Each structure stands twice: as C-alpha cells, then as structure tokens.
C-alpha cells in the first residue's frame, strides 16, 4: 500500500465509526511550529526540556518563520480531538526520548508504554528514514527525525490546555491486517477506539 494510502483508509474508517467528518484542512492559532509559553502554559518547561534533549537550537527555532501546523485529522462535535496515524518513522530513538519527559498526570488517548515498546522495536529502522535530512532548529544529521519527535509532542501536550480532548493515536502496527474498508475493519477500529477514548 502506497505511502499515505493506509492513513487515508484508517482515517475514513475512524470517521465512519465516530459518525463524524474527518477534517484534514483545519489549523489552530496555538498549533504553530515552535514552542511558546503563551500556548504551552504549564507544559512549557516540559517541551523546553524535550527540545534541548533532542539537540535543538533555541535561537534558530525562535527566529524561524512562524507557520501553523496541520494534523492528520480533526474530529469535531462531541469528539473534539486531533487524530494521528503513526507510521514506523514516528517510532524513533528521538521519539522514545521525548516520551520519557511526559508528565505522569498527562491524559493520553494512546498507551504510552506500548508506544515506547514500538520505539524500542523499530527505532533502528525509523532512525534511518531520511537520516540525512535536517530541519530548521535541528541542523544536524537526523535533524528531521528529531523535529518529527518534537512536533509529535505538540500534538500530545497542547490539546488539553487549548480546549480539546487528548489526541487519539493509532499506529500502523495496530491495524496491520486492514487493507480495505469492510465490516471486519470497521469492527476492529471500533474496538480499538473504545480501548483508547475514555
């Protein structure tokens, strides 16, 4: 299945299960490409430590052009959460490092221990993905991977302090057997969502 096809398939099934349109074009004023005290509030110290631990350049990060970030999908109404489909490249050494900084009281709509386990299994493969690519604020080999892990934290830390419910994450490994939208796939995703959303 081509890159992006699985994400679109699972997102469409999630939309059916929730009976809610998947918004893939939505942006939020607080969801920008750098960490700011105004938007991170009580989680600012956490994201600042995460950024430093990943080797980020604070000056470069704060002076780069501010842009709004997008999420894989947003489900409104009574759902009111961001949805993210995590493929293997999200389970890097950098992502594992970031998860260790998460406050124990942070409400998550995914199993953080399972995500750490995936990182330990797939980090070597994930770390090789576009290894030579750098990113603004992460000007070193593997910088794009570090930036991906950094921005994944935004999706976990920002929603609760900006009026959204926790972000729902589904990994490609949880839906590896799904290749089409059918009753079996619907039931699997429905069960998966019920295990995540509290």
Protein backbone atom coordinates (compact mmCIF):
# COMPACT_ATOMS: atom_id res chain seq x y z
CA UNK A 1 0.00 0.00 0.00
CA UNK A 2 1.47 3.35 -1.09
CA UNK A 3 2.62 5.95 1.46
CA UNK A 4 -0.37 7.83 2.75
CA UNK A 5 -2.94 5.33 1.48
CA UNK A 6 -3.12 3.45 4.77
CA UNK A 7 -3.52 6.71 6.67
CA UNK A 8 -6.40 7.78 4.44
CA UNK A 9 -8.03 4.35 4.74
CA UNK A 10 -7.84 4.22 8.54
CA UNK A 11 -8.97 7.84 8.85
CA UNK A 12 -12.03 7.10 6.73
CA UNK A 13 -12.92 4.10 8.90
CA UNK A 14 -12.47 6.15 12.07
CA UNK A 15 -14.84 8.75 10.57
CA UNK A 16 -17.45 6.06 9.97
CA UNK A 17 -17.12 4.66 13.47
CA UNK A 18 -17.43 8.13 15.02
CA UNK A 19 -20.11 9.21 12.52
CA UNK A 20 -18.20 12.45 12.17
CA UNK A 21 -16.43 14.10 9.24
CA UNK A 22 -12.64 13.93 9.31
CA UNK A 23 -11.33 17.48 8.91
CA UNK A 24 -7.90 17.32 7.29
CA UNK A 25 -7.60 21.02 6.49
CA UNK A 26 -8.05 22.52 9.95
CA UNK A 27 -5.49 24.67 11.75
CA UNK A 28 -5.41 26.21 15.23
CA UNK A 29 -3.84 29.53 16.28
CA UNK A 30 -1.97 27.75 19.07
CA UNK A 31 -0.68 24.93 16.87
CA UNK A 32 2.47 26.52 15.41
CA UNK A 33 5.95 25.26 14.57
CA UNK A 34 7.77 26.48 17.70
CA UNK A 35 7.13 26.18 21.41
CA UNK A 36 5.80 29.30 23.07
CA UNK A 37 4.93 29.95 26.73
CA UNK A 38 1.65 31.54 25.69
CA UNK A 39 0.36 28.29 24.21
CA UNK A 40 2.16 25.65 26.27
CA UNK A 41 1.34 27.10 29.69
CA UNK A 42 2.05 24.52 32.39
CA UNK A 43 3.75 22.26 29.84
CA UNK A 44 6.28 24.84 28.68
CA UNK A 45 9.08 23.54 30.92
CA UNK A 46 8.44 20.01 29.63
CA UNK A 47 8.57 20.92 25.95
CA UNK A 48 11.61 23.14 26.52
CA UNK A 49 13.48 20.25 28.15
CA UNK A 50 12.40 17.95 25.32
CA UNK A 51 13.68 20.41 22.72
CA UNK A 52 17.05 20.69 24.45
CA UNK A 53 17.37 16.92 24.89
CA UNK A 54 16.89 16.50 21.13
CA UNK A 55 19.77 18.90 20.44
CA UNK A 56 17.58 21.73 19.20
CA UNK A 57 18.99 25.21 18.57
CA UNK A 58 16.78 27.61 20.54
CA UNK A 59 17.81 30.75 18.72
CA UNK A 60 17.26 29.21 15.30
CA UNK A 61 13.94 27.78 16.41
CA UNK A 62 12.58 31.03 17.82
CA UNK A 63 13.72 33.20 14.91
CA UNK A 64 12.45 30.97 12.11
CA UNK A 65 9.28 31.94 10.27
CA UNK A 66 6.17 31.05 12.27
CA UNK A 67 3.79 28.74 10.44
CA UNK A 68 0.65 26.91 11.51
CA UNK A 69 0.93 23.13 11.71
CA UNK A 70 -1.60 20.63 10.44
CA UNK A 71 -2.77 17.40 11.99
CA UNK A 72 -3.67 14.17 10.19
CA UNK A 73 -7.33 14.84 11.01
CA UNK A 74 -9.59 16.59 13.46
CA UNK A 75 -12.95 15.24 14.59
CA UNK A 76 -15.27 17.91 15.94
CA UNK A 77 -18.63 17.77 17.68
CA UNK A 78 -18.65 15.79 20.89
CA UNK A 79 -15.38 14.13 19.83
CA UNK A 80 -13.31 17.33 19.67
CA UNK A 81 -9.91 15.69 19.22
CA UNK A 82 -6.96 15.52 16.86
CA UNK A 83 -6.35 12.16 15.22
CA UNK A 84 -2.87 10.98 14.28
CA UNK A 85 -1.87 7.89 12.33
CA UNK A 86 1.67 6.91 13.35
CA UNK A 87 3.72 5.04 10.77
CA UNK A 88 7.02 3.36 11.66
CA UNK A 89 9.11 6.52 11.13
CA UNK A 90 7.44 8.06 14.19
CA UNK A 91 8.90 5.37 16.45
CA UNK A 92 12.47 6.64 16.53
CA UNK A 93 15.12 6.97 19.22
CA UNK A 94 14.20 10.65 19.40
CA UNK A 95 10.53 9.86 19.98
CA UNK A 96 11.42 7.37 22.72
CA UNK A 97 13.45 10.08 24.43
CA UNK A 98 10.55 12.56 24.31
CA UNK A 99 8.08 10.12 25.85
CA UNK A 100 10.28 9.83 28.93
CA UNK A 101 9.60 13.51 29.70
CA UNK A 102 5.80 13.27 29.66
CA UNK A 103 4.16 14.19 32.99
CA UNK A 104 2.63 11.15 34.66
CA UNK A 105 -0.68 13.01 35.05
CA UNK A 106 -0.94 13.81 31.33
CA UNK A 107 -4.08 12.23 29.89
CA UNK A 108 -3.39 10.35 26.67
CA UNK A 109 -5.64 8.55 24.23
CA UNK A 110 -2.92 6.02 23.41
CA UNK A 111 -0.93 3.57 25.51
CA UNK A 112 2.40 5.30 26.18
CA UNK A 113 4.05 2.06 27.29
CA UNK A 114 3.02 0.43 24.01
CA UNK A 115 4.44 3.42 22.11
CA UNK A 116 7.74 3.06 23.99
CA UNK A 117 7.77 -0.62 23.11
CA UNK A 118 7.23 0.17 19.43
CA UNK A 119 10.10 2.67 19.63
CA UNK A 120 12.42 0.06 21.07
CA UNK A 121 11.47 -2.39 18.31
CA UNK A 122 11.50 -0.02 15.33
CA UNK A 123 13.92 2.77 16.31
CA UNK A 124 16.82 1.48 14.18
CA UNK A 125 14.62 1.44 11.08
CA UNK A 126 13.00 4.76 11.98
CA UNK A 127 16.35 6.44 12.63
CA UNK A 128 17.50 5.51 9.11
CA UNK A 129 14.42 7.06 7.49
CA UNK A 130 15.64 10.19 5.65
CA UNK A 131 18.62 10.20 8.02
CA UNK A 132 20.47 12.85 6.03
CA UNK A 133 17.64 15.38 6.19
CA UNK A 134 17.99 18.32 8.55
CA UNK A 135 15.30 20.75 9.73
CA UNK A 136 15.14 24.33 10.96
CA UNK A 137 16.33 24.34 14.56
CA UNK A 138 17.78 20.83 14.10
CA UNK A 139 20.66 21.39 11.69
CA UNK A 140 22.39 18.03 12.03
CA UNK A 141 22.18 14.53 10.57
CA UNK A 142 18.93 13.06 11.79
CA UNK A 143 17.53 16.53 12.39
CA UNK A 144 14.31 15.85 10.54
CA UNK A 145 13.72 12.80 12.73
CA UNK A 146 14.33 14.89 15.86
CA UNK A 147 11.93 17.56 14.59
CA UNK A 148 9.24 14.94 13.93
CA UNK A 149 9.52 13.69 17.52
CA UNK A 150 9.47 17.28 18.84
CA UNK A 151 6.34 18.20 16.90
CA UNK A 152 4.61 14.95 17.88
CA UNK A 153 4.86 16.26 21.45
CA UNK A 154 2.89 19.36 20.43
CA UNK A 155 0.02 17.09 19.43
CA UNK A 156 0.09 15.41 22.85
CA UNK A 157 0.76 18.37 25.16
CA UNK A 158 -1.19 21.24 23.59
CA UNK A 159 -4.78 19.97 23.21
CA UNK A 160 -5.71 19.70 26.89
CA UNK A 161 -4.71 23.30 27.62
CA UNK A 162 -6.38 24.65 24.50
CA UNK A 163 -9.86 23.22 24.85
CA UNK A 164 -9.52 19.88 23.06
CA UNK A 165 -9.67 16.33 24.32
CA UNK A 166 -6.45 14.29 24.15
CA UNK A 167 -5.11 13.35 20.74
CA UNK A 168 -6.08 9.89 19.55
CA UNK A 169 -3.16 7.95 18.07
CA UNK A 170 -3.36 4.73 16.07
CA UNK A 171 -0.13 3.08 14.98
CA UNK A 172 0.27 1.25 11.70
CA UNK A 173 1.08 -1.87 13.71
CA UNK A 174 -2.32 -1.87 15.42
CA UNK A 175 -4.09 -2.01 12.05
CA UNK A 176 -1.58 -4.05 10.05
CA UNK A 177 -4.26 -6.53 8.95
CA UNK A 178 -6.57 -3.85 7.48
CA UNK A 179 -6.31 -3.26 3.73
CA UNK A 180 -9.85 -2.26 2.86
CA UNK A 181 -12.92 -0.71 4.41
CA UNK A 182 -15.21 -3.57 5.30
CA UNK A 183 -17.22 -4.82 8.27
CA UNK A 184 -14.25 -6.63 9.78
CA UNK A 185 -12.11 -3.49 9.55
CA UNK A 186 -14.91 -1.37 10.99
CA UNK A 187 -15.26 -3.69 13.99
CA UNK A 188 -11.51 -3.75 14.60
CA UNK A 189 -11.20 0.04 14.52
CA UNK A 190 -14.30 0.47 16.65
CA UNK A 191 -12.85 -1.83 19.31
CA UNK A 192 -9.50 -0.04 19.10
CA UNK A 193 -11.08 3.38 19.58
CA UNK A 194 -13.11 2.16 22.56
CA UNK A 195 -9.87 1.00 24.20
CA UNK A 196 -8.28 4.42 23.72
CA UNK A 197 -11.01 7.01 24.32
CA UNK A 198 -12.08 7.43 27.92
